[in-house]
Amino acid sequence: MTDIDDVPTPQGQLTLKLLATRQDTNLYGDIPGGWLVSHMDQAAELAAGRIAHGRTATVAIEAMDFLCPVREGSVVNIFTELREIGRSSIKINVEVWSRPPHERNPDELHKVTEARFVMVAMDDNGRIRAVPDGR
């Protein structure tokens, strides 16, 4: 018997929810890692932009491992969680969870990957600026 506390669950706030379609797949019907990283970057930018009150840019992505494939028809859920705010930087943890297309339990998600994104606040001229106080 599995203890409910042993079952992994997404951490953070649901930031993006996408459907993996046929046009997103590779030759084998899987979603490429680059597609996932691109959407993870969008989610990190949304989360960091709320904190920075404006434009941000990705300056680093920490290593990630892919735990399971994402198939065509899967619902992809991307969660973000603030980890740290510096003078101009914002570290956001980004997790990807998916629900395969024929999953009987609509609440059952499978963890696909996670990474920490380092974002910096940018001004209108593309220069690094301070993250505002009173976030």
Protein backbone atom coordinates (compact mmCIF):
# COMPACT_ATOMS: atom_id res chain seq x y z
CA MET A 1 0.00 0.00 0.00
CA THR A 2 1.34 3.44 -0.98
CA ASP A 3 1.22 6.24 1.52
CA ILE A 4 -0.42 9.35 0.05
CA ASP A 5 2.64 11.37 1.14
CA ASP A 6 4.86 9.18 -1.06
CA VAL A 7 3.01 10.09 -4.27
CA PRO A 8 4.82 12.92 -6.06
CA THR A 9 2.71 15.95 -6.93
CA PRO A 10 3.41 19.11 -8.90
CA GLN A 11 5.03 21.95 -6.97
CA GLY A 12 4.09 25.56 -7.63
CA GLN A 13 1.38 27.23 -9.64
CA LEU A 14 -0.11 25.95 -12.90
CA THR A 15 1.20 28.52 -15.39
CA LEU A 16 0.62 26.91 -18.81
CA LYS A 17 -1.61 24.07 -19.99
CA LEU A 18 -1.14 22.80 -23.54
CA LEU A 19 -2.29 20.01 -25.81
CA ALA A 20 0.49 18.11 -27.58
CA THR A 21 -0.78 17.81 -31.15
CA ARG A 22 0.33 15.84 -34.20
CA GLN A 23 2.13 18.88 -35.65
CA ASP A 24 4.28 19.03 -32.47
CA THR A 25 5.58 15.45 -32.71
CA ASN A 26 8.69 13.87 -34.14
CA LEU A 27 8.67 10.89 -36.53
CA TYR A 28 7.81 8.51 -33.70
CA GLY A 29 4.83 10.39 -32.30
CA ASP A 30 6.74 11.80 -29.33
CA ILE A 31 7.04 15.46 -28.38
CA PRO A 32 10.66 16.63 -28.81
CA GLY A 33 12.53 17.95 -25.79
CA GLY A 34 13.05 21.30 -27.50
CA TRP A 35 9.27 21.84 -27.72
CA LEU A 36 9.01 21.25 -23.98
CA VAL A 37 11.97 23.53 -23.17
CA SER A 38 10.47 26.31 -25.30
CA HIS A 39 7.18 26.15 -23.38
CA MET A 40 9.01 25.88 -20.05
CA ASP A 41 10.85 29.08 -20.99
CA GLN A 42 7.52 30.80 -21.74
CA ALA A 43 6.14 29.72 -18.36
CA ALA A 44 9.28 30.97 -16.56
CA GLU A 45 9.00 34.29 -18.42
CA LEU A 46 5.34 34.66 -17.42
CA ALA A 47 6.11 33.95 -13.78
CA ALA A 48 9.21 36.17 -13.67
CA GLY A 49 7.44 38.97 -15.55
CA ARG A 50 4.77 39.18 -12.85
CA ILE A 51 7.47 39.56 -10.22
CA ALA A 52 9.62 41.98 -12.26
CA HIS A 53 6.59 44.01 -13.37
CA GLY A 54 7.72 43.78 -16.97
CA ARG A 55 10.15 42.31 -19.43
CA THR A 56 12.52 39.52 -18.45
CA ALA A 57 15.05 37.39 -20.29
CA THR A 58 16.41 33.90 -19.68
CA VAL A 59 20.11 33.89 -18.79
CA ALA A 60 20.51 30.28 -17.63
CA ILE A 61 18.73 26.96 -17.45
CA GLU A 62 20.05 24.39 -15.01
CA ALA A 63 20.37 20.77 -16.16
CA MET A 64 17.27 18.71 -16.70
CA ASP A 65 16.52 15.03 -17.13
CA PHE A 66 13.56 13.73 -19.10
CA LEU A 67 11.79 11.07 -17.06
CA CYS A 68 9.16 9.87 -19.54
CA PRO A 69 8.08 10.64 -23.11
CA VAL A 70 5.17 12.91 -23.96
CA ARG A 71 2.92 11.42 -26.65
CA GLU A 72 0.64 13.10 -29.14
CA GLY A 73 -2.68 13.93 -27.50
CA SER A 74 -1.20 14.38 -24.04
CA VAL A 75 -2.21 17.35 -21.93
CA VAL A 76 0.97 19.12 -20.83
CA ASN A 77 0.84 21.06 -17.56
CA ILE A 78 3.68 23.43 -16.70
CA PHE A 79 4.04 24.57 -13.09
CA THR A 80 6.27 27.39 -11.84
CA GLU A 81 7.54 28.17 -8.37
CA LEU A 82 9.61 31.15 -7.24
CA ARG A 83 12.89 30.06 -5.66
CA GLU A 84 14.92 33.24 -5.23
CA ILE A 85 14.93 36.94 -6.04
CA GLY A 86 18.22 38.80 -6.42
CA ARG A 87 18.91 42.42 -7.27
CA SER A 88 18.07 41.88 -10.95
CA SER A 89 17.62 38.12 -11.19
CA ILE A 90 14.74 35.80 -10.48
CA LYS A 91 15.12 32.04 -10.12
CA ILE A 92 12.04 30.04 -11.08
CA ASN A 93 11.65 26.27 -10.76
CA VAL A 94 9.67 24.88 -13.69
CA GLU A 95 8.09 21.42 -13.68
CA VAL A 96 6.38 19.66 -16.58
CA TRP A 97 3.68 17.08 -15.89
CA SER A 98 1.58 15.32 -18.51
CA ARG A 99 -1.64 13.37 -18.73
CA PRO A 100 -1.48 10.78 -21.52
CA PRO A 101 -4.35 10.87 -24.02
CA HIS A 102 -6.10 7.71 -22.85
CA GLU A 103 -5.52 8.00 -19.10
CA ARG A 104 -8.56 6.65 -17.28
CA ASN A 105 -8.03 8.86 -14.26
CA PRO A 106 -8.19 12.51 -15.45
CA ASP A 107 -6.36 13.65 -12.30
CA GLU A 108 -3.35 11.35 -12.77
CA LEU A 109 -0.31 13.26 -13.99
CA HIS A 110 3.15 11.94 -14.84
CA LYS A 111 6.23 14.04 -14.16
CA VAL A 112 8.18 14.64 -17.35
CA THR A 113 11.01 16.99 -16.34
CA GLU A 114 11.98 19.99 -14.25
CA ALA A 115 14.64 22.69 -14.35
CA ARG A 116 15.55 25.94 -12.66
CA PHE A 117 15.41 28.99 -14.94
CA VAL A 118 17.39 32.11 -14.10
CA MET A 119 15.69 35.21 -15.47
CA VAL A 120 16.80 38.84 -15.35
CA ALA A 121 14.62 41.92 -15.38
CA MET A 122 15.10 44.08 -18.48
CA ASP A 123 14.25 47.68 -19.27
CA ASP A 124 12.73 48.89 -22.56
CA ASN A 125 16.21 49.24 -24.05
CA GLY A 126 17.17 45.65 -23.27
CA ARG A 127 19.43 46.53 -20.36
CA ILE A 128 19.39 44.68 -17.07
CA ARG A 129 17.46 46.54 -14.38
CA ALA A 130 16.66 45.97 -10.71
CA VAL A 131 13.66 43.88 -9.69
CA PRO A 132 11.21 46.26 -8.00
CA ASP A 133 10.74 46.10 -4.23
CA GLY A 134 7.28 45.22 -2.89
CA ARG A 135 6.92 42.36 -5.35
